[in-house]
N, C-alpha and C. Protein backbone atom coordinates (compact mmCIF):
# COMPACT_ATOMS: atom_id res chain seq x y z
N MET A 1 40.01 -48.57 129.39
CA MET A 1 40.91 -49.48 130.08
C MET A 1 42.09 -49.16 130.25
N LYS A 2 42.87 -48.77 129.19
CA LYS A 2 43.96 -48.19 129.03
C LYS A 2 44.41 -47.27 130.01
N ASN A 3 43.35 -46.00 130.12
CA ASN A 3 43.53 -45.07 131.03
C ASN A 3 43.73 -45.70 132.41
N LYS A 4 43.05 -46.65 132.92
CA LYS A 4 43.18 -46.90 134.19
C LYS A 4 44.83 -47.89 134.67
N LYS A 5 45.45 -48.40 133.26
CA LYS A 5 46.77 -48.94 133.73
C LYS A 5 47.59 -47.89 133.81
N VAL A 6 47.44 -46.96 132.89
CA VAL A 6 48.35 -45.73 133.19
C VAL A 6 48.51 -44.93 134.44
N LYS A 7 47.02 -44.76 134.96
CA LYS A 7 47.29 -44.02 136.32
C LYS A 7 47.56 -44.99 137.31
N ILE A 8 47.76 -46.37 137.27
CA ILE A 8 48.03 -47.18 138.42
C ILE A 8 49.62 -47.43 138.26
N LYS A 9 50.25 -47.53 136.87
CA LYS A 9 51.83 -47.43 136.98
C LYS A 9 52.26 -45.89 137.35
N SER A 10 51.29 -44.77 137.04
CA SER A 10 51.88 -43.21 137.40
C SER A 10 51.80 -43.57 138.95
N HIS A 11 50.92 -44.20 139.83
CA HIS A 11 50.72 -43.85 141.12
C HIS A 11 51.97 -44.95 141.81
N LYS A 12 52.16 -45.96 141.25
CA LYS A 12 53.25 -47.03 141.55
C LYS A 12 54.74 -46.06 141.64
N GLY A 13 54.95 -45.39 140.65
CA GLY A 13 55.83 -44.44 140.65
C GLY A 13 55.88 -43.34 141.65
N ALA A 14 54.80 -42.68 141.94
CA ALA A 14 54.73 -41.70 142.73
C ALA A 14 55.02 -42.76 144.38
N TYR A 15 54.87 -43.36 144.26
CA TYR A 15 54.60 -44.00 145.97
C TYR A 15 56.16 -44.60 145.94
N LEU A 16 56.85 -44.96 144.95
CA LEU A 16 58.47 -45.54 145.26
C LEU A 16 59.09 -44.36 145.37
N LEU A 17 58.94 -43.35 144.65
CA LEU A 17 59.49 -41.62 144.62
C LEU A 17 59.37 -41.51 146.21
N THR A 18 58.07 -41.56 146.76
CA THR A 18 58.05 -41.17 147.91
C THR A 18 58.83 -41.96 149.13
N ILE A 19 58.79 -43.43 149.00
CA ILE A 19 59.41 -43.96 149.91
C ILE A 19 60.84 -43.91 149.82
N LEU A 20 61.36 -43.74 148.75
CA LEU A 20 62.65 -43.24 148.44
C LEU A 20 63.20 -42.00 149.46
N PHE A 21 62.20 -40.99 148.99
CA PHE A 21 62.58 -39.68 149.55
C PHE A 21 62.37 -39.75 151.27
N ILE A 22 61.47 -40.77 151.66
CA ILE A 22 61.63 -40.93 152.89
C ILE A 22 62.90 -41.41 153.69
N SER A 23 63.04 -42.76 152.82
CA SER A 23 64.32 -43.79 153.07
C SER A 23 65.61 -42.54 153.14
N VAL A 24 65.80 -41.75 152.41
CA VAL A 24 66.91 -41.05 152.34
C VAL A 24 66.78 -39.71 153.62
N PHE A 25 65.70 -39.40 153.81
CA PHE A 25 65.62 -38.55 154.79
C PHE A 25 65.71 -39.11 156.25
N LEU A 26 65.27 -40.33 156.20
CA LEU A 26 65.67 -41.34 157.52
C LEU A 26 66.84 -41.49 157.50
N ALA A 27 67.73 -41.70 156.66
CA ALA A 27 68.73 -42.26 156.48
C ALA A 27 69.90 -40.77 157.08
N GLU A 28 69.57 -39.80 156.60
CA GLU A 28 70.54 -38.54 156.68
C GLU A 28 69.91 -38.27 158.36
N LEU A 29 68.88 -38.51 158.68
CA LEU A 29 68.46 -38.09 160.30
C LEU A 29 69.15 -38.97 160.95
N PHE A 30 69.61 -40.53 160.78
CA PHE A 30 69.92 -41.18 161.30
C PHE A 30 71.70 -41.03 161.62
N ILE A 31 71.95 -40.71 160.22
CA ILE A 31 73.70 -40.17 160.57
C ILE A 31 73.83 -38.77 161.14
N TYR A 32 73.01 -37.67 160.82
CA TYR A 32 72.89 -36.70 161.48
C TYR A 32 73.10 -36.99 162.96
N ALA A 33 72.29 -37.63 163.80
CA ALA A 33 71.92 -37.81 164.84
C ALA A 33 73.27 -38.69 165.50
N TRP A 34 73.88 -39.65 164.94
CA TRP A 34 75.08 -40.19 164.98
C TRP A 34 76.29 -39.21 165.02
N CYS A 35 76.40 -38.68 164.40
CA CYS A 35 77.31 -37.60 164.13
C CYS A 35 77.39 -36.64 165.50
N ARG A 36 76.21 -36.47 165.59
CA ARG A 36 76.15 -35.19 167.17
C ARG A 36 76.68 -36.30 168.41
N VAL A 37 76.04 -37.07 168.36
CA VAL A 37 76.29 -38.43 169.51
C VAL A 37 77.77 -38.58 169.91
N GLN A 38 78.34 -38.46 168.50
CA GLN A 38 80.08 -38.80 168.60
C GLN A 38 81.04 -37.57 168.99
N CYS A 39 80.30 -36.47 168.35
CA CYS A 39 80.96 -35.12 169.09
C CYS A 39 80.31 -34.87 170.32
N VAL A 40 79.50 -35.06 170.85
CA VAL A 40 79.10 -35.39 172.31
C VAL A 40 80.33 -35.99 173.34
N GLN A 41 80.17 -37.22 172.81
CA GLN A 41 81.03 -38.18 173.58
C GLN A 41 82.65 -37.79 173.41
N THR A 42 82.91 -37.09 172.10
CA THR A 42 84.44 -36.74 172.04
C THR A 42 84.44 -35.64 173.01
N GLY A 43 83.70 -34.70 173.01
CA GLY A 43 83.57 -33.56 173.93
C GLY A 43 83.75 -33.93 175.28
N TYR A 44 83.08 -35.16 176.17
CA TYR A 44 82.97 -35.30 177.21
C TYR A 44 84.86 -36.37 177.58
N ALA A 45 85.31 -36.89 176.41
CA ALA A 45 86.26 -37.45 176.60
C ALA A 45 87.60 -36.36 176.79
N ILE A 46 87.43 -35.47 175.76
CA ILE A 46 88.70 -34.53 175.83
C ILE A 46 88.36 -33.64 177.50
N SER A 47 87.21 -33.30 177.61
CA SER A 47 86.98 -33.03 178.82
C SER A 47 87.69 -33.70 179.98
N SER A 48 87.63 -34.93 179.86
CA SER A 48 88.00 -35.68 181.34
C SER A 48 89.69 -35.75 181.05
N GLU A 49 89.94 -36.00 179.73
CA GLU A 49 91.57 -35.96 179.94
C GLU A 49 91.84 -34.47 180.10
N LYS A 50 91.36 -33.46 180.15
CA LYS A 50 91.75 -32.15 180.57
C LYS A 50 91.74 -32.17 182.29
N ASP A 51 90.75 -32.90 182.65
CA ASP A 51 91.16 -32.71 184.23
C ASP A 51 91.92 -33.75 184.61
N GLU A 52 92.11 -34.84 184.17
CA GLU A 52 93.33 -35.99 184.04
C GLU A 52 94.76 -35.28 184.12
N ASN A 53 94.91 -34.18 183.21
CA ASN A 53 96.03 -33.62 182.87
C ASN A 53 96.31 -32.72 183.90
N LYS A 54 95.37 -32.02 184.51
CA LYS A 54 95.38 -30.90 185.41
C LYS A 54 95.85 -31.47 186.55
N ARG A 55 95.02 -32.65 187.28
CA ARG A 55 95.47 -33.56 188.13
C ARG A 55 96.88 -34.36 188.51
N LEU A 56 97.41 -34.47 186.92
CA LEU A 56 98.81 -34.70 186.95
C LEU A 56 99.77 -33.60 187.08
N LEU A 57 99.49 -32.59 186.22
CA LEU A 57 100.12 -31.24 186.77
C LEU A 57 100.48 -30.94 188.13
N ALA A 58 99.02 -31.32 188.94
CA ALA A 58 99.31 -30.81 190.30
C ALA A 58 100.04 -31.63 191.03
N LEU A 59 99.97 -33.14 190.89
CA LEU A 59 100.68 -34.32 191.27
C LEU A 59 102.28 -33.96 190.91
N ARG A 60 102.58 -33.65 189.58
CA ARG A 60 104.00 -33.28 189.37
C ARG A 60 104.52 -32.56 190.11
N GLU A 61 103.90 -31.28 190.19
CA GLU A 61 104.09 -29.88 191.15
C GLU A 61 104.73 -30.40 192.44
N ASN A 62 103.38 -31.07 193.40
CA ASN A 62 103.67 -31.76 194.59
C ASN A 62 104.92 -32.53 194.74
N LEU A 63 105.20 -33.41 193.77
CA LEU A 63 106.31 -34.33 193.78
C LEU A 63 107.49 -33.81 193.57
N SER A 64 107.40 -32.89 192.93
CA SER A 64 108.79 -31.70 192.72
C SER A 64 109.39 -30.93 194.04
N ILE A 65 108.17 -30.57 194.47
CA ILE A 65 108.76 -29.86 195.91
C ILE A 65 109.07 -30.96 196.86
N GLU A 66 108.29 -31.78 197.06
CA GLU A 66 108.48 -32.97 197.74
C GLU A 66 110.23 -33.37 197.53
N PHE A 67 110.34 -33.51 196.31
CA PHE A 67 111.84 -34.10 195.88
C PHE A 67 113.06 -32.94 196.24
N GLU A 68 112.55 -31.64 196.56
CA GLU A 68 113.53 -30.87 196.56
C GLU A 68 113.72 -30.81 197.97
N ARG A 69 112.52 -30.84 198.64
CA ARG A 69 112.75 -30.73 200.47
C ARG A 69 113.53 -32.21 200.90
N LEU A 70 113.28 -33.07 200.06
CA LEU A 70 113.98 -34.30 200.48
C LEU A 70 115.54 -34.63 200.11
N LYS A 71 116.22 -33.62 199.37
CA LYS A 71 117.67 -33.54 198.79
C LYS A 71 118.01 -32.27 199.63
N SER A 72 117.61 -31.86 200.28
CA SER A 72 117.87 -30.27 201.08
C SER A 72 119.18 -30.86 201.87
N PRO A 73 120.19 -30.37 202.12
CA PRO A 73 121.72 -30.58 202.69
C PRO A 73 121.47 -30.73 203.96
N ASN A 74 120.50 -30.08 204.48
CA ASN A 74 120.50 -29.73 205.92
C ASN A 74 119.71 -31.04 206.36
N ARG A 75 118.80 -31.63 205.67
CA ARG A 75 118.00 -32.80 205.90
C ARG A 75 119.20 -33.94 205.71
N ILE A 76 119.96 -33.79 204.64
CA ILE A 76 120.91 -34.91 204.80
C ILE A 76 121.37 -35.24 205.98
N ALA A 77 122.38 -33.75 205.95
CA ALA A 77 123.20 -33.96 207.42
C ALA A 77 122.48 -33.99 208.69
N LYS A 78 121.40 -33.97 208.95
CA LYS A 78 120.67 -34.27 210.07
C LYS A 78 120.72 -35.92 210.29
N ILE A 79 119.97 -36.37 208.94
CA ILE A 79 119.89 -37.85 209.15
C ILE A 79 121.36 -38.59 209.38
N ALA A 80 122.33 -38.22 208.94
CA ALA A 80 123.80 -38.57 209.07
C ALA A 80 124.05 -38.54 210.21
N ARG A 81 123.87 -37.65 211.04
CA ARG A 81 124.13 -37.57 212.36
C ARG A 81 123.52 -38.07 213.12
N GLN A 82 122.22 -38.14 213.28
CA GLN A 82 121.15 -39.04 213.89
C GLN A 82 120.68 -40.56 213.82
N GLN A 83 120.78 -40.90 212.75
CA GLN A 83 120.41 -42.11 212.23
C GLN A 83 122.06 -42.99 211.85
N ILE A 84 122.78 -42.20 211.28
CA ILE A 84 124.00 -43.17 210.78
C ILE A 84 125.13 -42.98 212.00
N GLY A 85 124.96 -41.73 212.46
CA GLY A 85 126.26 -41.49 213.50
C GLY A 85 127.62 -40.99 213.03
N LEU A 86 127.35 -40.15 211.79
CA LEU A 86 128.34 -39.59 211.31
C LEU A 86 128.49 -38.33 211.88
N ILE A 87 129.85 -38.08 212.07
CA ILE A 87 130.13 -36.61 212.50
C ILE A 87 131.12 -36.10 211.59
N ILE A 88 131.09 -34.75 211.63
CA ILE A 88 132.14 -33.56 210.94
C ILE A 88 133.63 -33.95 211.67
N PRO A 89 134.52 -34.38 210.56
CA PRO A 89 135.92 -34.72 211.20
C PRO A 89 136.79 -33.51 211.69
N LYS A 90 137.52 -33.87 212.37
CA LYS A 90 138.38 -32.80 213.11
C LYS A 90 139.65 -32.41 212.26
N PRO A 91 139.83 -31.06 212.39
CA PRO A 91 141.02 -31.15 211.47
C PRO A 91 142.18 -31.95 211.29
N GLU A 92 142.57 -32.62 212.38
CA GLU A 92 143.75 -33.59 212.58
C GLU A 92 143.20 -34.88 211.76
N GLN A 93 142.03 -35.07 211.80
CA GLN A 93 141.51 -36.48 211.16
C GLN A 93 141.66 -36.29 209.29
N VAL A 94 141.65 -35.06 209.09
CA VAL A 94 141.55 -35.21 207.79
C VAL A 94 142.91 -35.41 206.87
N ILE A 95 142.90 -35.94 206.16
CA ILE A 95 144.39 -36.40 205.51
C ILE A 95 143.95 -36.24 203.92
N ILE A 96 144.74 -35.15 203.51
CA ILE A 96 144.78 -34.62 202.08
C ILE A 96 145.63 -35.51 201.03
N VAL A 97 144.94 -36.21 200.17
CA VAL A 97 145.91 -37.04 199.18
C VAL A 97 146.05 -36.05 197.96
N PRO A 98 147.39 -36.16 197.60
CA PRO A 98 147.86 -35.64 196.70
C PRO A 98 147.35 -36.05 195.17
């Protein structure tokens, strides 16, 4: 009778050890999968931010070119003559202030 009780107790320990081993293995598997998913999502986020950065740099370049074109002295003089009606003063109209 004692032999049977010892065998049952030893099997319980083996079952518990197996369940513990499988639980730890599954927990590590889920943690590894979660880490990989986070890495992939971070990679996608970095890629989209790089694309946005390229788009903004191109926009900044275009705006810089547009700004230089708009502040051109020839353009400003043309607008002053046509839209506002300004003209270059004649020499007798110039008064030098000391």
